[in-house]
C-alpha atoms as a PDB file:
ATOM      1  CA  MET A   1      98.964  88.194 110.020  1.00  0.00           C
ATOM      2  CA  THR A   2      99.742  85.130 112.370  1.00  0.00           C
ATOM      3  CA  GLN A   3      96.122  84.410 112.256  1.00  0.00           C
ATOM      4  CA  LEU A   4      96.696  83.999 108.384  1.00  0.00           C
ATOM      5  CA  VAL A   5      99.435  81.507 108.642  1.00  0.00           C
ATOM      6  CA  GLY A   6      97.634  79.592 111.208  1.00  0.00           C
ATOM      7  CA  ALA A   7      94.431  79.278 109.135  1.00  0.00           C
ATOM      8  CA  GLY A   8      96.614  78.249 105.886  1.00  0.00           C
ATOM      9  CA  TYR A   9      97.887  75.438 107.821  1.00  0.00           C
ATOM     10  CA  SER A  10      94.525  74.367 108.943  1.00  0.00           C
ATOM     11  CA  VAL A  11      93.437  73.833 105.303  1.00  0.00           C
ATOM     12  CA  SER A  12      96.754  72.334 103.488  1.00  0.00           C
ATOM     13  CA  THR A  13     100.347  72.746 102.981  1.00  0.00           C
ATOM     14  CA  GLY A  14     100.076  74.626  99.895  1.00  0.00           C
ATOM     15  CA  VAL A  15      97.904  77.114 101.474  1.00  0.00           C
ATOM     16  CA  SER A  16     100.257  77.437 104.355  1.00  0.00           C
ATOM     17  CA  ASP A  17     103.086  78.116 101.851  1.00  0.00           C
ATOM     18  CA  LEU A  18     101.023  80.927 100.235  1.00  0.00           C
ATOM     19  CA  SER A  19     100.187  82.119 103.379  1.00  0.00           C
ATOM     20  CA  THR A  20     103.600  82.541 104.696  1.00  0.00           C
ATOM     21  CA  PHE A  21     104.481  84.408 101.520  1.00  0.00           C
ATOM     22  CA  VAL A  22     101.792  86.740 101.878  1.00  0.00           C
ATOM     23  CA  LYS A  23     102.818  87.367 105.528  1.00  0.00           C
ATOM     24  CA  LEU A  24     106.337  87.976 104.351  1.00  0.00           C
ATOM     25  CA  LEU A  25     105.559  90.090 101.372  1.00  0.00           C
ATOM     26  CA  GLY A  26     103.412  92.295 103.781  1.00  0.00           C
ATOM     27  CA  VAL A  27     106.419  92.588 106.417  1.00  0.00           C
ATOM     28  CA  ALA A  28     108.664  93.489 103.580  1.00  0.00           C
ATOM     29  CA  MET A  29     106.449  96.314 102.124  1.00  0.00           C
ATOM     30  CA  LEU A  30     106.483  98.071 105.437  1.00  0.00           C
ATOM     31  CA  VAL A  31     110.045  99.600 104.889  1.00  0.00           C
ATOM     32  CA  PRO A  32     109.227 101.023 101.588  1.00  0.00           C
ATOM     33  CA  ILE A  33     105.879 102.507 102.511  1.00  0.00           C
ATOM     34  CA  VAL A  34     107.607 104.167 105.783  1.00  0.00           C
ATOM     35  CA  LEU A  35     110.205 105.698 103.750  1.00  0.00           C
ATOM     36  CA  VAL A  36     107.771 107.217 101.170  1.00  0.00           C
ATOM     37  CA  ILE A  37     105.949 108.378 104.008  1.00  0.00           C
ATOM     38  CA  GLY A  38     109.077 110.244 105.430  1.00  0.00           C
ATOM     39  CA  VAL A  39     109.989 111.872 102.313  1.00  0.00           C
ATOM     40  CA  VAL A  40     106.403 113.130 101.849  1.00  0.00           C
ATOM     41  CA  ILE A  41     106.171 114.390 105.212  1.00  0.00           C
ATOM     42  CA  ARG A  42     109.675 115.921 104.953  1.00  0.00           C
ATOM     43  CA  ARG A  43     108.982 117.721 101.591  1.00  0.00           C
ATOM     44  CA  SER A  44     105.613 118.906 103.105  1.00  0.00           C
ATOM     45  CA  ASN A  45     107.470 120.559 106.028  1.00  0.00           C
ATOM     46  CA  ARG A  46     110.437 121.997 103.918  1.00  0.00           C
ATOM     47  CA  GLY A  47     109.026 125.647 103.626  1.00  0.00           C
ATOM     48  CA  VAL A  48     107.468 125.616 107.251  1.00  0.00           C
ATOM     49  CA  GLY A  49     109.115 127.806 109.716  1.00  0.00           C
ATOM     50  CA  LYS A  50     111.582 129.518 107.795  1.00  0.00           C
ATOM     51  CA  GLY A  51     111.472 133.262 108.302  1.00  0.00           C
ATOM     52  CA  THR A  52     109.383 133.336 111.192  1.00  0.00           C
ATOM     53  CA  CYS A  53     111.822 134.022 113.665  1.00  0.00           C
ATOM     54  CA  GLU A  54     113.772 137.337 113.442  1.00  0.00           C
END
C-alpha cells in the first residue's frame, strides 16, 4: 500500500490525494471484513463439540 502512495506522489498532486484515499479506504475496510469473518467462523463452529463428552 505504501508503494501506491509513493507512485501517486511521483505523478501529480491529484493522483497522490486519490492514492492516499484509496490506501485509507483499504485500511478502513479491514475492520468490517475481520468482524464478518469472525461471525462466520463462530456460526460455523456453533454446533461443533456439543454432546461428544459424557
